[in-house]
Amino acid sequence: MTRAQLRFLDDGRRLHLQDGPIDLIVEANGSETNVRAAYAAAARRFTGLLDELCAELPLLREAADAEVCRLHGHVARRMHNAVVPFASSCFITPMAAVAGSVAEEILGAMTDHAQLDRAYVNNGGDIAFHLACGERFSVGLADRPDAPGLLRTMVVRSDDECRGIATSGRHGRSFSLGIADAVTVLARTASQADAAATIIANAVDLPGHPAIVRRPACDLQPDNDLGARLVTREVGELSDLEIEDALAAGAVSARRLLAAGLIEGAALRLEGEIIVIGTSAIESESSRARPRPVDARGAFHA
C-alpha cells in the first residue's frame, strides 16, 4: 500500500496530491462549501489510486487490443478506451493515457460531489478541467515541458468541446519515438488528449537522420512499456528545411486525428518553430516571445 501525500500549497487555494509518480495540482472555484466538498472528494478518490493501477500494471504495459479489454479498474479501462482508436494502426499501450486518465478521474470525483464554477486537475501538464456556463480558462503553452517560458496562450471557453489538454514530446516525463520538443493537444477529455499527444509527438520525426541519437527504451528503463523500441535521446543540429519536414509529418497525423473527431486541435513545437492545427483557441503572442515564469508542473492561468 502506497502512502499518498495531501497538502495545500502556500497560496492556500490549490491542493497538492502526490503518490509515487502521480503528482497533481488541483484547484476549484465556487462557494466555500462546494470547494471544500470538492477537495475532500479529490482526496478520497486519490487515496489508493496508485495501488489500483499497480495491481494491473503488467496488462497496462501490453499493447492495447482493440477487440478485448482484460482490465478491471475504472481508470485502467479509461486508459484502454483512450488508446483503442490508435491500436489498429500502431503500437500503443494504455500507459500512453495514464496521466490524463488520472486527472480525469480526480476531476470527476470533484464534480460528482460539488457544484463548481471552474476546476482543474493538472497532472504534470496533462490537464482535465471543468467549466460552468460562461466560464473560461487561459492556459500557458510552454516551448517544451521542462522549459520555464511561455510562447503562446490557449483560451478555452465553456461552450468549447475541449475539456482536456495534454503535452507529449522528447523532453517530457515519458519516452518519445519522435523528436518534437512538445506537442500539446486539446480534446474532449484529458485521456483522449494524452493518447493523441503521444501519437502526434511520435510522428514529428526524421527517420534515420544521423543527428538524432536513439536508444532502446529497455536499456534506459528495463520495466518500461516500449521494450526494445528506439526512443529519442538527443537531437543535433537540424536545418530549417529539416525542421519544417519533421513538423509537417506531425501535422499530417494531427490533421488526420482532427478529421476523425479524436482531437479538437494541436500545437506542435520543434527548435523554436510551431505549427497550430485546427483550433482558434491558441492565440499567438509570438513564436519567439520573451519567456515568462510558469509553474513547473505546467502553466494554468485564470
Protein backbone atom coordinates (compact mmCIF):
# COMPACT_ATOMS: atom_id res chain seq x y z
CA MET A 1 0.00 0.00 0.00
CA THR A 2 1.43 3.36 -1.01
CA ARG A 3 1.06 6.42 1.20
CA ALA A 4 -0.38 9.48 -0.50
CA GLN A 5 0.67 12.99 0.47
CA LEU A 6 -2.06 15.62 0.54
CA ARG A 7 -1.47 19.28 1.36
CA PHE A 8 -2.38 22.78 0.31
CA LEU A 9 0.20 24.89 -1.48
CA ASP A 10 1.36 28.13 0.09
CA ASP A 11 -1.35 30.14 -1.67
CA GLY A 12 -3.99 28.21 0.30
CA ARG A 13 -6.10 27.76 -2.84
CA ARG A 14 -4.50 24.84 -4.64
CA LEU A 15 -4.35 21.30 -3.38
CA HIS A 16 -1.22 19.19 -3.98
CA LEU A 17 -1.77 15.44 -4.19
CA GLN A 18 1.30 13.23 -4.59
CA ASP A 19 1.79 9.48 -4.51
CA GLY A 20 4.84 7.94 -6.17
CA PRO A 21 4.96 9.16 -9.79
CA ILE A 22 1.50 10.76 -9.60
CA ASP A 23 1.85 14.47 -8.79
CA LEU A 24 -1.31 16.59 -9.08
CA ILE A 25 -2.14 20.24 -8.64
CA VAL A 26 -5.87 20.75 -8.07
CA GLU A 27 -7.88 23.95 -7.93
CA ALA A 28 -11.62 24.51 -7.62
CA ASN A 29 -13.67 27.71 -7.78
CA GLY A 30 -17.14 28.11 -6.32
CA SER A 31 -18.78 28.63 -2.97
CA GLU A 32 -16.67 27.83 0.10
CA THR A 33 -18.89 24.86 0.92
CA ASN A 34 -18.65 23.39 -2.57
CA VAL A 35 -14.91 23.93 -2.84
CA ARG A 36 -14.40 22.20 0.49
CA ALA A 37 -16.56 19.28 -0.63
CA ALA A 38 -14.70 19.05 -3.94
CA TYR A 39 -11.30 18.90 -2.28
CA ALA A 40 -12.48 16.27 0.17
CA ALA A 41 -13.79 14.16 -2.72
CA ALA A 42 -10.50 14.56 -4.59
CA ALA A 43 -8.51 13.42 -1.57
CA ARG A 44 -10.75 10.37 -1.01
CA ARG A 45 -10.51 9.23 -4.61
CA PHE A 46 -6.79 9.87 -4.82
CA THR A 47 -6.00 7.71 -1.81
CA GLY A 48 -5.27 4.20 -3.08
CA LEU A 49 -5.50 5.12 -6.76
CA LEU A 50 -1.85 4.29 -7.45
CA ASP A 51 -2.31 0.88 -5.85
CA GLU A 52 -5.25 0.21 -8.18
CA LEU A 53 -3.09 0.95 -11.19
CA CYS A 54 -0.10 -1.03 -9.92
CA ALA A 55 -2.32 -4.08 -9.45
CA GLU A 56 -2.86 -4.19 -13.22
CA LEU A 57 0.47 -2.77 -14.34
CA PRO A 58 1.60 -5.78 -16.42
CA LEU A 59 -1.57 -5.57 -18.52
CA LEU A 60 -1.33 -1.79 -18.76
CA ARG A 61 2.13 -2.17 -20.30
CA GLU A 62 0.92 -4.53 -23.02
CA ALA A 63 -0.11 -3.38 -26.47
CA ALA A 64 -3.77 -2.35 -26.46
CA ASP A 65 -6.18 -4.78 -28.08
CA ALA A 66 -8.97 -3.01 -29.93
CA GLU A 67 -11.26 -6.04 -29.59
CA VAL A 68 -10.74 -7.14 -25.99
CA CYS A 69 -10.15 -5.31 -22.70
CA ARG A 70 -8.93 -7.50 -19.82
CA LEU A 71 -8.55 -4.59 -17.42
CA HIS A 72 -10.92 -4.15 -14.48
CA GLY A 73 -10.18 -0.85 -12.73
CA HIS A 74 -12.16 2.23 -13.70
CA VAL A 75 -9.08 4.32 -14.51
CA ALA A 76 -7.35 1.39 -16.23
CA ARG A 77 -10.33 0.87 -18.52
CA ARG A 78 -10.46 4.59 -19.28
CA MET A 79 -6.79 4.39 -20.30
CA HIS A 80 -7.56 1.44 -22.57
CA ASN A 81 -10.54 3.17 -24.19
CA ALA A 82 -8.45 6.28 -24.88
CA VAL A 83 -5.80 4.40 -26.85
CA VAL A 84 -8.07 1.93 -28.68
CA PRO A 85 -8.69 4.28 -31.65
CA PHE A 86 -4.95 4.05 -32.44
CA ALA A 87 -4.34 0.39 -31.64
CA SER A 88 -5.07 -0.97 -35.11
CA SER A 89 -2.54 1.28 -36.86
CA CYS A 90 0.39 1.45 -34.44
CA PHE A 91 1.86 0.08 -31.24
CA ILE A 92 0.37 1.79 -28.22
CA THR A 93 -0.29 0.72 -24.64
CA PRO A 94 -2.82 2.07 -22.14
CA MET A 95 0.11 3.75 -20.36
CA ALA A 96 0.06 6.38 -23.13
CA ALA A 97 -3.05 7.79 -21.46
CA VAL A 98 -2.25 7.31 -17.78
CA ALA A 99 -1.64 10.94 -16.77
CA GLY A 100 -4.74 12.30 -18.48
CA SER A 101 -6.89 9.45 -17.19
CA VAL A 102 -5.83 10.03 -13.58
CA ALA A 103 -6.53 13.77 -13.89
CA GLU A 104 -9.93 13.00 -15.38
CA GLU A 105 -10.77 10.59 -12.55
CA ILE A 106 -9.99 13.08 -9.80
CA LEU A 107 -11.89 15.87 -11.55
CA GLY A 108 -14.89 13.56 -11.94
CA ALA A 109 -14.89 12.85 -8.22
CA MET A 110 -14.88 16.59 -7.52
CA THR A 111 -17.73 17.49 -9.86
CA ASP A 112 -19.78 14.50 -8.70
CA HIS A 113 -19.76 15.86 -5.15
CA ALA A 114 -19.86 19.62 -5.62
CA GLN A 115 -21.32 22.28 -7.87
CA LEU A 116 -18.32 24.26 -9.10
CA ASP A 117 -17.82 27.27 -11.34
CA ARG A 118 -14.43 26.10 -12.56
CA ALA A 119 -11.99 23.39 -11.62
CA TYR A 120 -8.89 21.72 -12.98
CA VAL A 121 -6.60 18.83 -12.16
CA ASN A 122 -3.10 19.27 -13.55
CA ASN A 123 -1.07 16.05 -13.72
CA GLY A 124 2.35 17.24 -14.80
CA GLY A 125 0.90 19.33 -17.63
CA ASP A 126 -1.84 16.87 -18.64
CA ILE A 127 -4.96 18.69 -17.52
CA ALA A 128 -8.62 17.83 -17.04
CA PHE A 129 -10.90 20.77 -16.38
CA HIS A 130 -14.49 21.77 -15.70
CA LEU A 131 -16.19 24.97 -16.81
CA ALA A 132 -19.68 26.06 -15.84
CA CYS A 133 -21.67 28.15 -18.30
CA GLY A 134 -19.95 31.43 -19.13
CA GLU A 135 -16.62 30.47 -17.57
CA ARG A 136 -13.21 30.22 -19.29
CA PHE A 137 -9.62 29.21 -18.68
CA SER A 138 -6.41 30.62 -20.13
CA VAL A 139 -3.62 28.06 -20.43
CA GLY A 140 0.04 28.91 -20.94
CA LEU A 141 1.81 26.99 -23.71
CA ALA A 142 5.48 26.30 -22.92
CA ASP A 143 8.05 25.76 -25.66
CA ARG A 144 8.93 22.43 -24.05
CA PRO A 145 7.75 20.70 -20.86
CA ASP A 146 10.99 21.31 -18.96
CA ALA A 147 11.49 24.95 -20.08
CA PRO A 148 10.48 27.95 -17.91
CA GLY A 149 8.91 30.08 -20.63
CA LEU A 150 5.64 30.72 -22.42
CA LEU A 151 5.27 31.04 -26.17
CA ARG A 152 1.51 31.21 -26.61
CA THR A 153 -1.73 31.15 -24.71
CA MET A 154 -4.74 28.89 -25.15
CA VAL A 155 -8.14 30.25 -24.18
CA VAL A 156 -10.81 27.61 -23.57
CA ARG A 157 -14.41 28.70 -23.04
CA SER A 158 -17.39 26.87 -21.59
CA ASP A 159 -19.03 26.47 -25.00
CA ASP A 160 -15.94 24.80 -26.48
CA GLU A 161 -15.89 21.00 -26.79
CA CYS A 162 -12.44 20.79 -25.21
CA ARG A 163 -12.21 19.57 -21.61
CA GLY A 164 -8.74 18.08 -21.68
CA ILE A 165 -5.24 19.23 -22.61
CA ALA A 166 -2.09 17.09 -22.75
CA THR A 167 1.51 17.54 -23.83
CA SER A 168 3.98 14.96 -25.10
CA GLY A 169 7.48 15.16 -26.54
CA ARG A 170 11.06 14.09 -26.06
CA HIS A 171 11.57 16.44 -23.09
CA GLY A 172 8.57 15.13 -21.18
CA ARG A 173 8.30 12.60 -18.36
CA SER A 174 7.92 9.65 -20.74
CA PHE A 175 9.98 8.39 -23.66
CA SER A 176 9.13 9.54 -27.18
CA LEU A 177 9.75 7.89 -30.53
CA GLY A 178 9.79 11.29 -32.25
CA ILE A 179 11.84 14.47 -31.99
CA ALA A 180 9.20 17.09 -31.09
CA ASP A 181 10.16 19.40 -28.27
CA ALA A 182 6.50 19.31 -27.35
CA VAL A 183 3.09 18.57 -28.84
CA THR A 184 0.10 19.97 -26.98
CA VAL A 185 -3.33 18.56 -27.83
CA LEU A 186 -6.82 19.77 -26.98
CA ALA A 187 -9.52 17.09 -26.86
CA ARG A 188 -12.91 16.40 -25.34
CA THR A 189 -11.29 14.57 -22.42
CA ALA A 190 -7.86 14.58 -20.82
CA SER A 191 -7.38 10.87 -21.50
CA GLN A 192 -8.09 11.36 -25.22
CA ALA A 193 -5.72 14.33 -25.33
CA ASP A 194 -2.98 12.33 -23.60
CA ALA A 195 -3.17 9.42 -26.05
CA ALA A 196 -3.36 11.68 -29.11
CA ALA A 197 -0.43 13.84 -27.96
CA THR A 198 1.71 10.68 -27.80
CA ILE A 199 0.74 9.66 -31.33
CA ILE A 200 1.39 13.09 -32.85
CA ALA A 201 4.66 13.61 -30.98
CA ASN A 202 5.90 10.27 -32.30
CA ALA A 203 5.05 11.40 -35.83
CA VAL A 204 7.21 14.55 -35.61
CA ASP A 205 10.32 12.81 -36.84
CA LEU A 206 13.13 12.44 -39.36
CA PRO A 207 13.68 8.67 -39.54
CA GLY A 208 17.31 7.67 -39.99
CA HIS A 209 18.71 11.19 -39.59
CA PRO A 210 22.36 10.99 -38.43
CA ALA A 211 22.00 13.88 -35.98
CA ILE A 212 19.33 12.06 -33.97
CA VAL A 213 20.55 9.73 -31.21
CA ARG A 214 18.18 6.90 -30.29
CA ARG A 215 18.44 4.12 -27.73
CA PRO A 216 16.35 1.04 -26.92
CA ALA A 217 13.86 2.04 -24.25
CA CYS A 218 14.61 -1.12 -22.26
CA ASP A 219 18.27 -0.09 -21.92
CA LEU A 220 17.20 3.14 -20.24
CA GLN A 221 14.34 1.78 -18.15
CA PRO A 222 14.04 -2.01 -18.09
CA ASP A 223 10.41 -2.11 -16.95
CA ASN A 224 9.00 0.44 -19.43
CA ASP A 225 6.16 -0.38 -21.82
CA LEU A 226 8.10 0.26 -25.06
CA GLY A 227 10.50 -2.67 -24.79
CA ALA A 228 13.36 -2.52 -27.30
CA ARG A 229 11.79 0.22 -29.41
CA LEU A 230 14.18 3.07 -30.13
CA VAL A 231 13.43 6.28 -28.25
CA THR A 232 14.95 9.70 -28.86
CA ARG A 233 17.75 10.81 -26.54
CA GLU A 234 19.42 13.67 -28.39
CA VAL A 235 18.71 15.82 -31.43
CA GLY A 236 21.66 17.52 -33.07
CA GLU A 237 21.68 20.44 -35.45
CA LEU A 238 18.86 20.45 -37.99
CA SER A 239 18.41 22.71 -40.99
CA ASP A 240 15.33 24.89 -41.33
CA LEU A 241 14.05 22.58 -44.07
CA GLU A 242 14.52 19.50 -41.89
CA ILE A 243 12.64 21.15 -39.01
CA GLU A 244 9.87 22.01 -41.45
CA ASP A 245 9.74 18.43 -42.77
CA ALA A 246 9.56 16.93 -39.27
CA LEU A 247 6.76 19.29 -38.22
CA ALA A 248 4.92 18.62 -41.48
CA ALA A 249 4.95 14.88 -40.75
CA GLY A 250 3.43 15.55 -37.35
CA ALA A 251 0.89 17.90 -38.87
CA VAL A 252 -0.32 15.14 -41.20
CA SER A 253 -1.00 12.97 -38.15
CA ALA A 254 -2.72 15.83 -36.29
CA ARG A 255 -4.97 16.68 -39.23
CA ARG A 256 -5.96 13.03 -39.58
CA LEU A 257 -6.98 12.87 -35.91
CA LEU A 258 -8.82 16.18 -36.20
CA ALA A 259 -10.80 14.91 -39.20
CA ALA A 260 -11.67 11.74 -37.26
CA GLY A 261 -13.00 13.79 -34.34
CA LEU A 262 -10.36 12.48 -31.94
CA ILE A 263 -8.88 15.90 -31.15
CA GLU A 264 -10.06 19.50 -31.14
CA GLY A 265 -6.69 21.00 -32.02
CA ALA A 266 -2.95 20.74 -31.56
CA ALA A 267 0.22 22.81 -31.35
CA LEU A 268 3.48 21.19 -32.49
CA ARG A 269 6.85 22.69 -31.48
CA LEU A 270 10.38 21.92 -32.65
CA GLU A 271 13.51 24.07 -32.36
CA GLY A 272 11.54 27.28 -31.80
CA GLU A 273 9.12 26.67 -34.68
CA ILE A 274 5.45 25.96 -34.16
CA ILE A 275 2.52 24.65 -36.21
CA VAL A 276 -1.04 25.05 -34.95
CA ILE A 277 -3.68 22.65 -36.24
CA GLY A 278 -7.43 23.07 -36.19
CA THR A 279 -8.14 25.49 -33.34
CA SER A 280 -8.55 29.20 -32.77
CA ALA A 281 -8.15 28.68 -29.01
CA ILE A 282 -4.39 29.10 -29.32
CA GLU A 283 -3.69 32.80 -29.50
CA SER A 284 -0.24 33.77 -30.74
CA GLU A 285 1.85 36.16 -28.71
CA SER A 286 4.86 35.49 -30.97
CA SER A 287 6.52 32.24 -31.94
CA ARG A 288 9.61 33.57 -30.17
CA ALA A 289 8.03 35.58 -27.38
CA ARG A 290 10.06 36.59 -24.33
CA PRO A 291 9.76 33.84 -21.68
CA ARG A 292 7.65 34.40 -18.61
CA PRO A 293 7.62 32.29 -15.42
CA VAL A 294 5.38 29.22 -15.38
CA ASP A 295 4.51 26.51 -12.89
CA ALA A 296 6.96 23.64 -13.31
CA ARG A 297 4.03 21.25 -13.48
CA GLY A 298 2.50 23.08 -16.46
CA ALA A 299 1.11 26.58 -16.74
CA PHE A 300 -2.55 27.20 -15.98
CA HIS A 301 -3.90 30.68 -15.50
CA ALA A 302 -7.24 32.32 -14.92
